[in-house]
Structures are given as C-alpha cells and as structure tokens.
C-alpha cells in the first residue's frame, strides 16, 4: 500500500521522509474518518489514515464527560456498513460508543498512523498530487479526505476579568464529573446540550450551578409518548413541509415541557429544524435539566459583564454572583484553516462553502466528511458518497491497467 517516494527537491528530501500513498490520505480517525475508511475498504481502495492523537475517536475518549450518552437513538448514529450491537440500549453510553468504534475499526481493518499531526496540506499543480506534511513525514497522494470534523478545537471566549479569576476555570472538554465540584458554586457558561447536561451533573453531585443563557434556545423533550422526538421529526418530514413540522414540534414541546420562557429560556423566532438546517444550531434535548431549573437547583442567569476579582461576577442585568469555579461549555470549532492550503471547497471559518448535501467534494481530489452540522448521520452520508466517488475512478483505472497488461502479454506470446 505504501512505497518510498523520492522527490527531486533535495532540501525537502533531506529533512523529511516522503511516502507515496497508493490511494487517499484521510486526516482524522474520529467517526468521520473511520466511516470513510470503511466505505473505501468496501470499494477495494487502499488508504492511509493520519491521526494527531494516540487513539481513534480522541474527542470521545479524552474530551468528553463521564455521564455522556448519545443524544439521538442509536439507529441515527451508527456508521455505514455495520450497525450497533442489538443488545446496546437505545441511547448508548460514552463507553459503549467507544467500544462500537473500536470494533468498527477492527472489523474493517482500519489501522491509523497515530501521533501524526498534519502541519500542512496543499495541492501541487505541477505534479497533480497532494502533499500532506507532518513533523517527520511527507505523504504524497492523489486524493485528500478532510475528516478532522467540526469539533477539532475548543472555543474559549474572551471575558473581561476572567484571567484574574482565582478559582478553577476549565473548558467542557476537560470536565469529567461533578464530584470535584461538590459543595461549590459553579458558573456554567453556555446553554447548549453540553451546558445543560453539565449543570444537571453538577446538581447530582451536590454542587450549585448557575447557567449563563446569553441568547435564545430551543429546548425539546428527548421523547414524546415513548418515541424519540428526532425520530418523529424525521418521519413527519417525509410527508409535511419543514415549517409545519417545526410548528408541530413546538406544540409538542409546550405540551410536554410547558412554558420554558418563564424560567429564562427564551425561544428563538426561527423553528428548531429550520435553525438547525440554516445555522447549524442544535436544539437542546432535555434529559432532566428542566426539572432542576424549575426546582431552583439550577439557576438561569443572564450574560456576563465582567469578573470583578476574587469570586465576584457581574452580569449584564446588574446582578452579582459569587462563584468558586467556572466551566466553559462554549463549544468547538474546525481547525481546517490552520493546515489546509485550499480555498475552493472550504471557507475561512473551516466549513465547506456549499451547504449540505453539496459540501462533500471539491476540485483536485479533495473531500470533506463530518462538516454537515448534522451529526453522525450527516458524516455517514458523506462517507458513503466519497467511497463511491473514489471507488468508481479506482475500479475504472484498475480495469484499464489489467486490460493493458493482458494485451501486452498476448503480443509477447504471438511474437515468441
């Protein structure tokens, strides 16, 4: 699958070992990269997977909290070609999902090159190949699959006075359990699924969280009458327009959850599905946090104006809080612009310029997987398309080579 490839460029040859990859290079060994590798394997296409960490799915293994479970039913989260085990629950735990990904990699014989952080990747117009550079190796390939995902880097907001705060400040990626915050006043910055669930976990460990809600947010029940809310939405979208499904979802949310705005959770004017499709903002699926907000165990507070030294926090509404620790549930972003030298498929924010489902393929053999803002199902859809697209070219060229070899063999026999 790999052969040493010597370039004419003497200086680069001296400083780096160059490897020719007979197939695509996939950057990232998370669910997106694994799904693409599996689809390529099914097409008979060789590949190399590069991963900057020392394990697959490093986000799940190293940067998620202990109580995390999949927020959607498992049938919407499984990767192509291999479903979850039947004995897994409807909402698999973090441990179970990692177990599934490891078995997935073993099943399709996917062996990433670990501790290979890609510093740059650019298309060489002269040779028609991609040059993918790590610290010690340069990979030369015809196709490049960008699978580093939407959550490659933590987003840490600039908050006036936070640097002088004397308590503990961590990002949600470093949060494991509320056990270490027992008895403390904790300010949770962010009200997405992570902020909501971390606040609930803190309460369950006898901490006192205050959750910062700066903007409007859609909160939906995870299930309605025993059915997944997401599954109901998918079913209705087959027959009804999106605007009507949004209306129905909001009515169901009001019937199950009541009026959440009186607790400080103002709903956006745009419907939850429309907002997800146009802005990529996922609605919060309630797993018990609202009950704790109603009881007062979790306080909903307005945006932060500044930290005033010590443990005092001034909010934009003039209220002051005393907190012992801060958890930044402020999300993640793509890191593609920091290493990919390409300006047609990806925009400056690290996402494909074309919206789903058209942002998976660019020019010159570059592909994007896992940037759909539609979770694992979107990544799987991209992976299948990429596997088929590269596989078609691979099979055609392989067939042509076999025909040429056969023709040459026949001529040699006749001449002999």
Protein backbone atom coordinates (compact mmCIF):
# COMPACT_ATOMS: atom_id res chain seq x y z
CA UNK A 1 0.00 0.00 0.00
CA UNK A 2 2.92 2.30 0.64
CA UNK A 3 6.25 2.73 -1.12
CA UNK A 4 9.05 5.19 -0.53
CA UNK A 5 8.69 8.07 -2.95
CA UNK A 6 11.78 10.19 -3.64
CA UNK A 7 11.26 13.75 -4.81
CA UNK A 8 13.67 15.82 -6.87
CA UNK A 9 13.53 18.59 -4.26
CA UNK A 10 16.77 17.78 -2.41
CA UNK A 11 16.23 20.02 0.64
CA UNK A 12 12.83 18.56 1.46
CA UNK A 13 14.11 15.05 0.88
CA UNK A 14 16.88 15.58 3.39
CA UNK A 15 14.55 16.95 6.06
CA UNK A 16 11.59 14.61 5.53
CA UNK A 17 10.87 11.02 4.61
CA UNK A 18 8.48 11.02 1.65
CA UNK A 19 5.88 8.31 1.30
CA UNK A 20 3.74 7.65 -1.73
CA UNK A 21 0.20 6.60 -0.78
CA UNK A 22 -1.49 4.41 -3.35
CA UNK A 23 -4.93 5.83 -2.61
CA UNK A 24 -6.33 8.66 -0.47
CA UNK A 25 -4.94 10.11 2.75
CA UNK A 26 -7.65 10.55 5.39
CA UNK A 27 -6.84 13.19 8.02
CA UNK A 28 -8.61 12.30 11.26
CA UNK A 29 -9.50 8.98 12.91
CA UNK A 30 -12.77 10.02 14.51
CA UNK A 31 -16.15 8.59 13.44
CA UNK A 32 -15.99 10.54 10.14
CA UNK A 33 -12.57 9.23 9.20
CA UNK A 34 -13.42 5.67 10.22
CA UNK A 35 -16.67 5.75 8.23
CA UNK A 36 -14.85 6.95 5.11
CA UNK A 37 -12.13 4.33 5.53
CA UNK A 38 -14.75 1.58 5.83
CA UNK A 39 -16.51 2.75 2.65
CA UNK A 40 -13.20 2.81 0.78
CA UNK A 41 -12.36 -0.65 2.08
CA UNK A 42 -15.67 -1.94 0.69
CA UNK A 43 -14.70 -0.47 -2.70
CA UNK A 44 -11.28 -2.12 -2.62
CA UNK A 45 -9.44 1.21 -2.42
CA UNK A 46 -6.26 1.36 -0.27
CA UNK A 47 -5.84 4.35 2.07
CA UNK A 48 -3.84 5.83 4.92
CA UNK A 49 -5.46 7.40 7.99
CA UNK A 50 -3.46 10.04 9.89
CA UNK A 51 -4.43 10.89 13.49
CA UNK A 52 -2.76 13.52 15.66
CA UNK A 53 -3.63 11.74 18.93
CA UNK A 54 -2.66 8.25 20.11
CA UNK A 55 -6.10 6.66 19.70
CA UNK A 56 -9.17 6.62 17.50
CA UNK A 57 -12.07 8.96 18.35
CA UNK A 58 -9.87 11.05 20.65
CA UNK A 59 -12.65 13.60 21.22
CA UNK A 60 -14.85 10.86 22.68
CA UNK A 61 -12.07 9.13 24.58
CA UNK A 62 -10.28 12.16 26.02
CA UNK A 63 -12.53 15.22 25.88
CA UNK A 64 -15.99 14.13 26.99
CA UNK A 65 -17.62 13.89 30.41
CA UNK A 66 -18.28 10.57 32.12
CA UNK A 67 -22.10 10.62 32.07
CA UNK A 68 -22.34 11.38 28.34
CA UNK A 69 -24.71 9.31 26.24
CA UNK A 70 -25.72 9.67 22.61
CA UNK A 71 -28.50 12.24 22.44
CA UNK A 72 -30.18 10.51 19.49
CA UNK A 73 -31.34 6.88 19.15
CA UNK A 74 -28.60 4.52 18.04
CA UNK A 75 -30.10 3.89 14.58
CA UNK A 76 -29.39 7.52 13.70
CA UNK A 77 -25.80 7.35 14.98
CA UNK A 78 -24.43 4.13 13.54
CA UNK A 79 -21.74 4.27 10.87
CA UNK A 80 -22.07 2.76 7.37
CA UNK A 81 -21.89 -0.99 6.80
CA UNK A 82 -22.01 -2.02 10.49
CA UNK A 83 -24.93 -1.39 12.91
CA UNK A 84 -24.69 -1.17 16.68
CA UNK A 85 -24.91 -4.47 18.58
CA UNK A 86 -28.55 -5.43 19.19
CA UNK A 87 -28.04 -5.60 22.96
CA UNK A 88 -26.94 -1.95 23.15
CA UNK A 89 -29.56 0.39 24.66
CA UNK A 90 -31.41 2.93 22.52
CA UNK A 91 -29.07 5.66 23.77
CA UNK A 92 -25.59 4.09 24.10
CA UNK A 93 -23.22 5.42 26.74
CA UNK A 94 -19.85 7.01 26.05
CA UNK A 95 -18.11 3.73 26.91
CA UNK A 96 -20.40 1.73 24.64
CA UNK A 97 -19.95 4.13 21.73
CA UNK A 98 -16.16 3.96 22.02
CA UNK A 99 -16.42 0.16 22.16
CA UNK A 100 -18.51 0.26 18.96
CA UNK A 101 -15.94 2.48 17.19
CA UNK A 102 -13.06 0.21 18.19
CA UNK A 103 -14.90 -2.87 16.93
CA UNK A 104 -15.74 -0.92 13.76
CA UNK A 105 -12.05 -0.19 13.12
CA UNK A 106 -11.14 -3.84 13.75
CA UNK A 107 -13.94 -5.13 11.52
CA UNK A 108 -12.77 -3.08 8.53
CA UNK A 109 -9.06 -3.49 9.31
CA UNK A 110 -8.51 0.24 9.79
CA UNK A 111 -5.10 0.93 11.31
CA UNK A 112 -4.46 4.68 11.61
CA UNK A 113 -0.99 6.17 11.86
CA UNK A 114 -1.18 7.70 15.34
CA UNK A 115 0.70 10.75 16.65
CA UNK A 116 0.78 12.15 13.12
CA UNK A 117 -0.31 15.78 13.34
CA UNK A 118 -0.74 17.28 9.89
CA UNK A 119 1.00 20.67 9.71
CA UNK A 120 0.06 21.45 6.12
CA UNK A 121 -1.62 20.00 3.07
CA UNK A 122 -1.54 21.57 -0.37
CA UNK A 123 -2.25 20.57 -3.92
CA UNK A 124 0.78 20.58 -6.21
CA UNK A 125 -0.42 21.82 -9.61
CA UNK A 126 2.77 20.66 -11.31
CA UNK A 127 2.54 17.02 -10.28
CA UNK A 128 -1.23 16.81 -9.76
CA UNK A 129 -0.81 15.34 -6.28
CA UNK A 130 -1.49 16.40 -2.70
CA UNK A 131 1.48 16.95 -0.41
CA UNK A 132 0.50 16.26 3.19
CA UNK A 133 3.17 17.15 5.74
CA UNK A 134 3.61 16.04 9.34
CA UNK A 135 6.63 16.79 11.54
CA UNK A 136 8.74 13.99 10.10
CA UNK A 137 6.95 12.62 7.04
CA UNK A 138 5.51 13.98 3.81
CA UNK A 139 2.75 11.91 2.26
CA UNK A 140 2.14 12.21 -1.49
CA UNK A 141 -1.33 11.20 -2.61
CA UNK A 142 -3.89 11.72 -5.34
CA UNK A 143 -6.87 12.21 -3.02
CA UNK A 144 -7.19 14.00 0.30
CA UNK A 145 -10.10 13.41 2.71
CA UNK A 146 -10.51 16.05 5.42
CA UNK A 147 -12.10 14.30 8.40
CA UNK A 148 -10.93 16.45 11.32
CA UNK A 149 -14.52 17.49 11.98
CA UNK A 150 -16.40 20.40 13.45
CA UNK A 151 -15.07 19.91 16.99
CA UNK A 152 -11.30 19.92 16.49
CA UNK A 153 -10.53 22.91 18.72
CA UNK A 154 -12.15 24.34 21.87
CA UNK A 155 -13.77 27.77 21.70
CA UNK A 156 -12.68 29.89 24.68
CA UNK A 157 -14.43 33.28 24.75
CA UNK A 158 -12.77 36.49 25.89
CA UNK A 159 -14.48 37.60 29.10
CA UNK A 160 -13.41 40.76 30.88
CA UNK A 161 -11.53 39.91 34.09
CA UNK A 162 -11.62 36.12 33.65
CA UNK A 163 -7.82 35.90 33.59
CA UNK A 164 -7.69 37.32 37.13
CA UNK A 165 -10.32 34.93 38.49
CA UNK A 166 -8.71 32.95 41.32
CA UNK A 167 -10.96 29.90 41.16
CA UNK A 168 -10.79 26.94 38.79
CA UNK A 169 -11.61 27.63 35.13
CA UNK A 170 -11.98 24.71 32.72
CA UNK A 171 -13.47 24.09 29.31
CA UNK A 172 -16.16 21.45 29.00
CA UNK A 173 -13.64 19.25 27.15
CA UNK A 174 -11.73 18.86 30.45
CA UNK A 175 -14.81 18.25 32.58
CA UNK A 176 -15.26 14.62 33.66
CA UNK A 177 -17.57 14.62 36.67
CA UNK A 178 -19.17 16.97 39.17
CA UNK A 179 -17.53 15.08 42.04
CA UNK A 180 -14.64 17.56 42.30
CA UNK A 181 -17.11 20.48 42.49
CA UNK A 182 -19.17 19.10 45.37
CA UNK A 183 -20.43 21.93 47.61
CA UNK A 184 -19.16 24.67 45.26
CA UNK A 185 -20.91 27.46 43.39
CA UNK A 186 -20.17 26.82 39.73
CA UNK A 187 -20.83 29.16 36.82
CA UNK A 188 -21.61 27.20 33.64
CA UNK A 189 -21.12 29.42 30.58
CA UNK A 190 -23.30 28.08 27.77
CA UNK A 191 -26.77 26.57 27.48
CA UNK A 192 -26.42 24.03 24.67
CA UNK A 193 -26.70 20.28 25.21
CA UNK A 194 -23.33 20.22 26.99
CA UNK A 195 -24.09 23.20 29.25
CA UNK A 196 -27.48 21.74 30.19
CA UNK A 197 -26.10 18.28 30.92
CA UNK A 198 -23.08 19.52 32.87
CA UNK A 199 -25.39 21.66 35.01
CA UNK A 200 -27.50 18.58 35.74
CA UNK A 201 -24.41 16.54 36.58
CA UNK A 202 -23.20 19.25 38.97
CA UNK A 203 -26.54 19.23 40.81
CA UNK A 204 -26.41 15.45 41.08
CA UNK A 205 -23.03 15.85 42.82
CA UNK A 206 -24.38 18.42 45.30
CA UNK A 207 -22.86 21.45 43.60
CA UNK A 208 -24.79 24.70 43.00
CA UNK A 209 -24.63 25.63 39.30
CA UNK A 210 -25.68 28.88 37.67
CA UNK A 211 -26.10 28.54 33.91
CA UNK A 212 -25.41 31.55 31.69
CA UNK A 213 -28.01 31.95 28.93
CA UNK A 214 -26.99 34.83 26.67
CA UNK A 215 -29.29 34.14 23.72
CA UNK A 216 -32.47 32.28 22.83
CA UNK A 217 -32.53 28.49 22.79
CA UNK A 218 -34.89 25.73 21.70
CA UNK A 219 -35.49 23.09 24.37
CA UNK A 220 -37.33 19.95 23.22
CA UNK A 221 -38.23 16.78 25.11
CA UNK A 222 -35.97 13.88 24.17
CA UNK A 223 -39.03 11.65 23.82
CA UNK A 224 -42.76 12.15 23.24
CA UNK A 225 -45.11 9.29 24.20
CA UNK A 226 -42.18 6.89 24.23
CA UNK A 227 -40.96 7.91 20.77
CA UNK A 228 -37.74 9.80 20.05
CA UNK A 229 -38.50 13.43 19.23
CA UNK A 230 -35.89 13.33 16.48
CA UNK A 231 -37.40 10.16 15.03
CA UNK A 232 -40.86 11.77 15.00
CA UNK A 233 -39.46 14.79 13.17
CA UNK A 234 -37.76 12.61 10.56
CA UNK A 235 -40.99 10.69 9.97
CA UNK A 236 -43.07 13.85 9.61
CA UNK A 237 -40.60 15.46 7.20
CA UNK A 238 -41.34 12.67 4.72
CA UNK A 239 -44.90 13.96 4.35
CA UNK A 240 -45.01 17.53 5.65
CA UNK A 241 -43.10 20.77 4.90
CA UNK A 242 -40.39 21.79 7.33
CA UNK A 243 -42.26 24.86 8.62
CA UNK A 244 -45.25 22.74 9.59
CA UNK A 245 -43.09 20.11 11.31
CA UNK A 246 -41.46 22.94 13.28
CA UNK A 247 -44.88 24.15 14.40
CA UNK A 248 -45.88 20.65 15.49
CA UNK A 249 -42.60 20.16 17.36
CA UNK A 250 -43.11 23.40 19.29
CA UNK A 251 -46.67 22.44 20.23
CA UNK A 252 -45.46 19.05 21.47
CA UNK A 253 -42.65 20.74 23.42
CA UNK A 254 -45.16 23.09 25.07
CA UNK A 255 -47.47 20.17 25.98
CA UNK A 256 -44.64 18.11 27.49
CA UNK A 257 -42.37 20.79 28.97
CA UNK A 258 -44.73 23.70 29.48
CA UNK A 259 -43.73 27.33 29.06
CA UNK A 260 -39.95 27.38 29.47
CA UNK A 261 -39.63 31.12 28.86
CA UNK A 262 -40.73 31.92 32.40
CA UNK A 263 -37.52 30.21 33.58
CA UNK A 264 -35.32 32.46 31.43
CA UNK A 265 -35.11 30.17 28.41
CA UNK A 266 -36.43 32.34 25.59
CA UNK A 267 -37.26 30.53 22.37
CA UNK A 268 -35.91 31.81 19.01
CA UNK A 269 -38.33 33.13 16.42
CA UNK A 270 -36.98 30.60 13.92
CA UNK A 271 -38.18 27.00 14.32
CA UNK A 272 -35.82 24.32 15.71
CA UNK A 273 -35.39 22.36 12.49
CA UNK A 274 -35.04 25.45 10.31
CA UNK A 275 -32.42 26.82 12.72
CA UNK A 276 -30.55 23.52 12.63
CA UNK A 277 -30.55 23.46 8.83
CA UNK A 278 -29.67 27.10 8.23
CA UNK A 279 -27.42 27.98 11.18
CA UNK A 280 -26.26 24.59 12.41
CA UNK A 281 -27.55 25.30 15.92
CA UNK A 282 -28.81 22.10 17.51
CA UNK A 283 -31.88 22.23 19.76
CA UNK A 284 -31.38 21.08 23.34
CA UNK A 285 -32.93 17.70 24.11
CA UNK A 286 -33.99 17.75 27.75
CA UNK A 287 -32.88 14.80 29.89
CA UNK A 288 -33.96 16.17 33.27
CA UNK A 289 -32.29 19.57 33.46
CA UNK A 290 -35.59 21.47 33.23
CA UNK A 291 -36.89 19.81 36.41
CA UNK A 292 -33.81 21.09 38.26
CA UNK A 293 -34.32 24.58 36.80
CA UNK A 294 -37.95 24.57 37.96
CA UNK A 295 -36.94 23.47 41.45
CA UNK A 296 -34.29 26.20 41.66
CA UNK A 297 -31.38 23.75 41.95
CA UNK A 298 -30.04 25.19 38.69
CA UNK A 299 -30.18 28.97 38.34
CA UNK A 300 -30.55 30.56 34.91
CA UNK A 301 -28.66 33.86 34.71
CA UNK A 302 -28.04 36.48 32.02
CA UNK A 303 -24.78 37.14 30.18
CA UNK A 304 -21.52 38.02 31.94
CA UNK A 305 -20.36 41.63 32.00
CA UNK A 306 -17.10 41.11 33.89
CA UNK A 307 -15.28 39.27 36.67
CA UNK A 308 -14.60 41.75 39.47
CA UNK A 309 -11.78 39.95 41.26
CA UNK A 310 -11.99 37.23 43.86
CA UNK A 311 -15.09 35.22 43.08
CA UNK A 312 -17.42 38.06 42.16
CA UNK A 313 -19.10 38.02 38.76
CA UNK A 314 -21.13 40.95 37.45
CA UNK A 315 -23.89 40.08 34.97
CA UNK A 316 -25.26 42.30 32.22
CA UNK A 317 -28.52 42.75 34.14
CA UNK A 318 -26.62 44.21 37.12
CA UNK A 319 -26.86 41.10 39.28
CA UNK A 320 -23.72 39.91 41.09
CA UNK A 321 -22.79 36.31 41.86
CA UNK A 322 -20.12 34.71 43.99
CA UNK A 323 -18.68 31.62 42.29
CA UNK A 324 -15.93 29.16 43.14
CA UNK A 325 -15.37 27.72 39.66
CA UNK A 326 -16.21 28.31 36.00
CA UNK A 327 -16.99 25.70 33.35
CA UNK A 328 -16.90 26.98 29.76
CA UNK A 329 -19.47 25.00 27.78
CA UNK A 330 -18.78 27.29 24.85
CA UNK A 331 -18.37 24.73 22.10
CA UNK A 332 -15.81 23.84 19.48
CA UNK A 333 -14.71 24.86 16.01
CA UNK A 334 -12.99 23.48 12.94
CA UNK A 335 -9.20 23.79 12.66
CA UNK A 336 -9.03 23.23 8.91
CA UNK A 337 -7.79 26.76 8.02
CA UNK A 338 -4.70 26.25 10.19
CA UNK A 339 -3.32 23.44 7.99
CA UNK A 340 -5.23 23.05 4.71
CA UNK A 341 -3.99 25.32 1.93
CA UNK A 342 -7.13 25.30 -0.20
CA UNK A 343 -9.68 27.99 -0.98
CA UNK A 344 -12.41 26.46 -3.12
CA UNK A 345 -14.09 23.74 -1.01
CA UNK A 346 -13.55 25.27 2.43
CA UNK A 347 -14.28 28.80 3.59
CA UNK A 348 -12.24 30.77 6.12
CA UNK A 349 -14.38 29.52 9.02
CA UNK A 350 -13.26 25.94 8.37
CA UNK A 351 -16.53 24.67 6.90
CA UNK A 352 -17.40 23.80 3.29
CA UNK A 353 -18.74 26.75 1.31
CA UNK A 354 -21.60 24.73 -0.13
CA UNK A 355 -24.40 23.71 2.26
CA UNK A 356 -25.39 20.11 2.90
CA UNK A 357 -25.64 17.88 0.91
CA UNK A 358 -23.26 19.51 -1.60
CA UNK A 359 -20.20 20.29 0.53
CA UNK A 360 -18.51 16.88 0.44
CA UNK A 361 -16.41 17.25 -2.73
CA UNK A 362 -14.04 19.88 -4.07
CA UNK A 363 -11.66 20.18 -7.01
CA UNK A 364 -8.33 18.41 -7.35
CA UNK A 365 -9.35 15.33 -5.37
CA UNK A 366 -10.17 16.96 -2.01
CA UNK A 367 -13.14 15.77 0.05
CA UNK A 368 -14.83 16.83 3.29
CA UNK A 369 -16.60 14.49 5.71
CA UNK A 370 -18.16 15.37 9.06
CA UNK A 371 -18.81 19.07 8.39
CA UNK A 372 -22.55 18.85 7.75
CA UNK A 373 -23.74 20.13 11.16
CA UNK A 374 -25.98 17.08 11.12
CA UNK A 375 -24.07 14.83 13.46
CA UNK A 376 -23.11 11.25 12.75
CA UNK A 377 -25.85 10.68 10.17
CA UNK A 378 -24.52 13.55 8.05
CA UNK A 379 -20.97 12.25 8.33
CA UNK A 380 -22.08 8.77 7.29
CA UNK A 381 -23.89 10.19 4.25
CA UNK A 382 -20.72 12.00 3.16
CA UNK A 383 -18.56 8.92 3.75
CA UNK A 384 -20.72 6.74 1.50
CA UNK A 385 -20.56 9.32 -1.32
CA UNK A 386 -16.80 9.69 -1.01
CA UNK A 387 -16.26 5.93 -1.03
CA UNK A 388 -18.38 5.54 -4.15
CA UNK A 389 -16.79 8.51 -5.94
CA UNK A 390 -13.18 7.44 -5.38
CA UNK A 391 -14.09 3.77 -5.81
CA UNK A 392 -15.56 4.39 -9.26
CA UNK A 393 -12.35 6.02 -10.51
CA UNK A 394 -10.20 3.39 -8.82
CA UNK A 395 -12.07 0.47 -10.42
CA UNK A 396 -12.05 2.04 -13.88
CA UNK A 397 -8.30 2.66 -13.77
CA UNK A 398 -7.58 -0.76 -12.29
CA UNK A 399 -9.62 -2.37 -15.08
CA UNK A 400 -7.73 -0.38 -17.72
CA UNK A 401 -4.38 -1.45 -16.26
CA UNK A 402 -5.45 -5.10 -16.30
CA UNK A 403 -6.56 -4.81 -19.93
CA UNK A 404 -3.23 -3.24 -20.93
CA UNK A 405 -1.31 -5.95 -19.09
CA UNK A 406 -3.34 -8.70 -20.76
CA UNK A 407 -2.91 -7.13 -24.22
CA UNK A 408 0.85 -6.82 -23.72
CA UNK A 409 1.05 -10.45 -22.58
CA UNK A 410 -0.80 -11.65 -25.71
CA UNK A 411 1.52 -9.68 -28.01
CA UNK A 412 4.56 -11.19 -26.33
CA UNK A 413 3.18 -14.71 -26.84
CA UNK A 414 2.44 -14.12 -30.52
CA UNK A 415 5.87 -12.64 -31.13
CA UNK A 416 7.52 -15.52 -29.38
